[in-house]
N, C-alpha and C. Protein backbone atom coordinates (compact mmCIF):
# COMPACT_ATOMS: atom_id res chain seq x y z
N UNK A 1 -2.12 15.93 -8.28
CA UNK A 1 -1.54 16.38 -9.50
C UNK A 1 -1.94 15.09 -10.52
N UNK A 2 -2.09 15.54 -11.78
CA UNK A 2 -2.63 14.66 -12.85
C UNK A 2 -1.56 14.80 -14.04
N UNK A 3 -1.09 13.77 -14.56
CA UNK A 3 -0.21 13.75 -15.66
C UNK A 3 -0.87 13.07 -16.74
N UNK A 4 -0.98 13.41 -17.85
CA UNK A 4 -1.49 12.77 -18.98
C UNK A 4 -0.93 11.44 -19.18
N UNK A 5 0.35 11.27 -19.32
CA UNK A 5 1.13 10.09 -19.40
C UNK A 5 2.43 10.17 -19.28
N UNK A 6 3.23 9.18 -18.97
CA UNK A 6 4.78 9.19 -18.67
C UNK A 6 5.27 8.30 -19.70
N UNK A 7 6.23 8.85 -20.59
CA UNK A 7 7.00 7.83 -21.55
C UNK A 7 8.41 7.83 -21.26
N UNK A 8 9.03 6.69 -21.22
CA UNK A 8 10.42 6.29 -20.94
C UNK A 8 10.87 5.43 -21.83
N UNK A 9 11.69 5.55 -22.78
CA UNK A 9 12.03 4.67 -23.71
C UNK A 9 10.99 4.16 -24.44
N UNK A 10 10.70 2.77 -24.52
CA UNK A 10 9.54 2.09 -25.07
C UNK A 10 8.45 2.03 -24.17
N UNK A 11 8.55 2.43 -23.12
CA UNK A 11 7.55 2.25 -22.00
C UNK A 11 6.71 3.58 -21.83
N UNK A 12 5.34 3.38 -21.95
CA UNK A 12 4.25 4.40 -21.80
C UNK A 12 3.31 4.14 -20.91
N UNK A 13 3.05 4.96 -19.81
CA UNK A 13 1.98 4.59 -18.83
C UNK A 13 0.71 5.32 -19.36
N UNK A 14 -0.43 4.93 -18.73
CA UNK A 14 -1.63 5.59 -18.94
C UNK A 14 -1.59 6.91 -18.08
N UNK A 15 -2.84 7.43 -17.85
CA UNK A 15 -3.00 8.75 -16.91
C UNK A 15 -2.47 8.31 -15.65
N UNK A 16 -1.67 9.24 -15.04
CA UNK A 16 -1.07 9.10 -13.76
C UNK A 16 -1.49 10.26 -12.80
N UNK A 17 -1.92 9.85 -11.71
CA UNK A 17 -2.36 10.67 -10.78
C UNK A 17 -1.51 10.48 -9.42
N UNK A 18 -1.15 11.70 -8.94
CA UNK A 18 -0.12 11.80 -7.63
C UNK A 18 -0.82 12.65 -6.65
N UNK A 19 -1.07 12.00 -5.51
CA UNK A 19 -1.60 12.90 -4.26
C UNK A 19 -0.42 13.17 -3.32
N UNK A 20 -0.04 14.55 -3.26
CA UNK A 20 1.30 14.85 -2.47
C UNK A 20 1.10 15.73 -1.29
N UNK A 21 1.73 15.69 -0.22
CA UNK A 21 1.78 16.79 0.80
C UNK A 21 3.12 17.01 1.23
N UNK A 22 3.39 18.12 1.84
CA UNK A 22 4.72 18.51 2.26
C UNK A 22 4.70 19.46 3.45
N UNK A 23 5.53 19.12 4.39
CA UNK A 23 5.58 19.85 5.79
C UNK A 23 6.52 19.26 6.38
N UNK A 24 7.31 20.38 7.24
CA UNK A 24 8.41 19.83 8.28
C UNK A 24 9.52 19.16 7.48
N UNK A 25 9.86 19.58 6.18
CA UNK A 25 11.15 18.96 5.58
C UNK A 25 10.89 17.61 5.01
N UNK A 26 9.54 17.11 4.91
CA UNK A 26 9.25 15.85 4.40
C UNK A 26 8.15 15.92 3.41
N UNK A 27 8.28 15.33 2.34
CA UNK A 27 7.30 15.15 1.10
C UNK A 27 6.73 13.98 1.02
N UNK A 28 5.49 13.83 1.23
CA UNK A 28 4.75 12.51 1.16
C UNK A 28 4.03 12.26 -0.04
N UNK A 29 4.21 11.13 -0.71
CA UNK A 29 3.33 10.73 -1.92
C UNK A 29 2.25 9.93 -1.25
N UNK A 30 1.11 10.39 -1.10
CA UNK A 30 -0.04 9.61 -0.30
C UNK A 30 -0.47 8.58 -1.12
N UNK A 31 -0.56 8.86 -2.53
CA UNK A 31 -1.10 7.91 -3.31
C UNK A 31 -0.67 8.17 -4.81
N UNK A 32 -0.20 7.08 -5.47
CA UNK A 32 0.09 7.02 -6.97
C UNK A 32 -0.81 5.93 -7.51
N UNK A 33 -1.30 6.42 -8.75
CA UNK A 33 -2.30 5.64 -9.54
C UNK A 33 -1.87 5.68 -10.88
N UNK A 34 -1.57 4.61 -11.53
CA UNK A 34 -1.20 4.65 -13.15
C UNK A 34 -1.49 3.43 -13.52
N UNK A 35 -1.53 3.22 -14.91
CA UNK A 35 -1.81 2.05 -15.63
C UNK A 35 -0.59 1.83 -16.61
N UNK A 36 -0.23 0.39 -16.53
CA UNK A 36 0.97 0.15 -17.44
C UNK A 36 0.76 -1.28 -17.87
N UNK A 37 1.06 -1.55 -19.41
CA UNK A 37 0.96 -2.84 -19.84
C UNK A 37 -0.45 -3.64 -19.41
N UNK A 38 -1.36 -2.76 -19.59
CA UNK A 38 -2.76 -3.51 -19.35
C UNK A 38 -2.98 -3.71 -17.85
N UNK A 39 -2.10 -3.41 -16.93
CA UNK A 39 -2.31 -3.48 -15.53
C UNK A 39 -2.55 -2.22 -14.71
N UNK A 40 -2.36 -2.17 -13.42
CA UNK A 40 -2.53 -1.03 -12.60
C UNK A 40 -1.38 -1.03 -11.58
N UNK A 41 -0.85 0.16 -11.49
CA UNK A 41 0.18 0.30 -10.32
C UNK A 41 -0.30 1.42 -9.27
N UNK A 42 -0.28 0.74 -8.21
CA UNK A 42 -0.66 1.85 -7.07
C UNK A 42 0.60 1.86 -6.04
N UNK A 43 0.71 3.15 -5.48
CA UNK A 43 1.83 3.16 -4.67
C UNK A 43 1.77 4.35 -3.56
N UNK A 44 2.72 4.47 -2.76
CA UNK A 44 2.74 5.48 -1.76
C UNK A 44 4.25 5.62 -1.34
N UNK A 45 4.83 6.78 -0.83
CA UNK A 45 6.03 6.96 -0.41
C UNK A 45 6.38 8.24 0.40
N UNK A 46 7.61 8.40 0.68
CA UNK A 46 7.79 9.74 1.52
C UNK A 46 9.49 9.94 1.16
N UNK A 47 9.73 11.31 1.07
CA UNK A 47 11.14 11.61 1.01
C UNK A 47 11.42 12.85 2.11
N UNK A 48 12.52 12.67 2.80
CA UNK A 48 13.02 13.62 3.76
C UNK A 48 14.49 14.05 3.60
N UNK A 49 14.93 15.15 3.70
CA UNK A 49 16.12 15.68 3.64
C UNK A 49 16.78 16.19 4.96
N UNK A 50 16.13 16.06 6.16
CA UNK A 50 16.54 16.42 7.35
C UNK A 50 17.87 15.94 7.92
N UNK A 51 18.14 14.69 7.71
CA UNK A 51 19.37 13.87 8.01
C UNK A 51 20.07 13.34 6.72
N UNK A 52 20.11 13.98 5.60
CA UNK A 52 20.52 13.51 4.31
C UNK A 52 19.25 12.87 3.69
N UNK A 53 19.37 12.36 2.56
CA UNK A 53 18.21 11.84 1.61
C UNK A 53 17.69 10.69 2.36
N UNK A 54 16.49 10.49 2.88
CA UNK A 54 15.84 9.34 3.47
C UNK A 54 14.48 9.26 2.77
N UNK A 55 14.34 8.01 2.15
CA UNK A 55 13.12 7.77 1.47
C UNK A 55 12.58 6.36 1.77
N UNK A 56 11.19 6.21 1.63
CA UNK A 56 10.57 4.93 1.59
C UNK A 56 9.34 4.75 0.66
N UNK A 57 9.02 3.64 0.49
CA UNK A 57 7.90 3.65 -0.55
C UNK A 57 7.32 2.23 -0.66
N UNK A 58 6.11 2.13 -1.14
CA UNK A 58 5.57 0.78 -1.59
C UNK A 58 4.95 0.91 -2.91
N UNK A 59 4.96 -0.24 -3.72
CA UNK A 59 4.28 -0.39 -4.85
C UNK A 59 3.51 -1.67 -4.97
N UNK A 60 2.19 -1.49 -5.53
CA UNK A 60 1.27 -2.65 -5.81
C UNK A 60 1.12 -2.75 -7.16
N UNK A 61 1.55 -3.93 -7.90
CA UNK A 61 1.39 -4.06 -9.20
C UNK A 61 0.41 -5.24 -9.56
N UNK A 62 -0.71 -4.91 -10.27
CA UNK A 62 -1.83 -5.73 -10.46
C UNK A 62 -2.18 -5.85 -11.95
N UNK A 63 -2.36 -6.99 -12.31
CA UNK A 63 -2.91 -7.29 -13.75
C UNK A 63 -1.92 -7.01 -14.79
N UNK A 64 -0.61 -6.84 -14.54
CA UNK A 64 0.30 -6.46 -15.76
C UNK A 64 0.43 -7.49 -16.66
N UNK A 65 0.39 -7.26 -17.96
CA UNK A 65 0.42 -8.31 -19.13
C UNK A 65 1.94 -8.43 -19.38
N UNK A 66 2.47 -9.58 -19.11
CA UNK A 66 3.77 -10.00 -19.52
C UNK A 66 3.89 -9.88 -21.07
N UNK A 67 2.90 -10.41 -21.65
CA UNK A 67 2.76 -10.39 -23.24
C UNK A 67 3.03 -8.95 -23.76
N UNK A 68 2.25 -7.90 -23.10
CA UNK A 68 2.48 -6.57 -23.53
C UNK A 68 3.85 -5.95 -23.19
N UNK A 69 4.36 -6.35 -22.02
CA UNK A 69 5.63 -5.99 -21.47
C UNK A 69 6.73 -6.52 -22.62
N UNK A 70 6.73 -7.82 -22.94
CA UNK A 70 7.70 -8.44 -23.69
C UNK A 70 7.61 -7.86 -25.14
N UNK A 71 6.57 -7.29 -25.61
CA UNK A 71 6.44 -6.93 -26.99
C UNK A 71 7.13 -5.47 -27.16
N UNK A 72 7.40 -4.87 -26.01
CA UNK A 72 8.11 -3.65 -26.07
C UNK A 72 9.64 -3.85 -26.11
N UNK A 73 10.21 -5.07 -25.97
CA UNK A 73 11.62 -5.37 -25.77
C UNK A 73 11.93 -5.81 -27.43
N UNK A 74 12.91 -5.00 -27.84
CA UNK A 74 13.38 -5.27 -29.27
C UNK A 74 13.99 -6.79 -29.37
N UNK A 75 13.83 -7.47 -30.45
CA UNK A 75 14.40 -8.91 -30.54
C UNK A 75 15.87 -8.67 -30.74
N UNK A 76 16.50 -9.59 -30.07
CA UNK A 76 17.93 -9.67 -30.29
C UNK A 76 18.32 -10.18 -31.63
N UNK A 77 19.44 -9.54 -32.06
CA UNK A 77 20.02 -9.95 -33.47
C UNK A 77 20.82 -11.32 -33.36
N UNK A 78 20.85 -12.19 -34.30
CA UNK A 78 21.62 -13.34 -34.22
C UNK A 78 23.09 -12.84 -34.27
N UNK A 79 23.82 -13.50 -33.39
CA UNK A 79 25.28 -13.25 -33.47
C UNK A 79 25.85 -14.32 -34.43
N UNK A 80 26.97 -14.08 -35.10
CA UNK A 80 27.57 -15.05 -35.79
C UNK A 80 28.30 -16.09 -35.03
N UNK A 81 28.06 -17.28 -35.19
CA UNK A 81 28.71 -18.52 -34.41
C UNK A 81 29.77 -19.35 -35.21
N UNK A 82 30.68 -19.67 -34.63
CA UNK A 82 31.67 -20.45 -35.33
C UNK A 82 33.12 -19.73 -35.33
N UNK A 83 34.09 -20.38 -36.07
CA UNK A 83 35.30 -19.84 -36.16
C UNK A 83 35.42 -18.90 -37.42
N UNK A 84 36.24 -17.98 -37.13
CA UNK A 84 36.36 -16.90 -38.18
C UNK A 84 37.59 -16.89 -38.84
């Protein structure tokens, strides 16, 4: 499955690709590929419902730019200091 991009709040990924399979009550995410803040995120995982929700997964984040990440965080406003 290919998704153009994912946007959540101020965060937006690049093109996202998911490789999925499902059988026997288990859905497997064989591979996740996306870009974020100038880096790359790779992952895999699984979800099963046979004995309640059971999930597992792994993520590898490579080359993420902390400068690009911090630029998405709004600056905090100065709070008044002192006695009122």
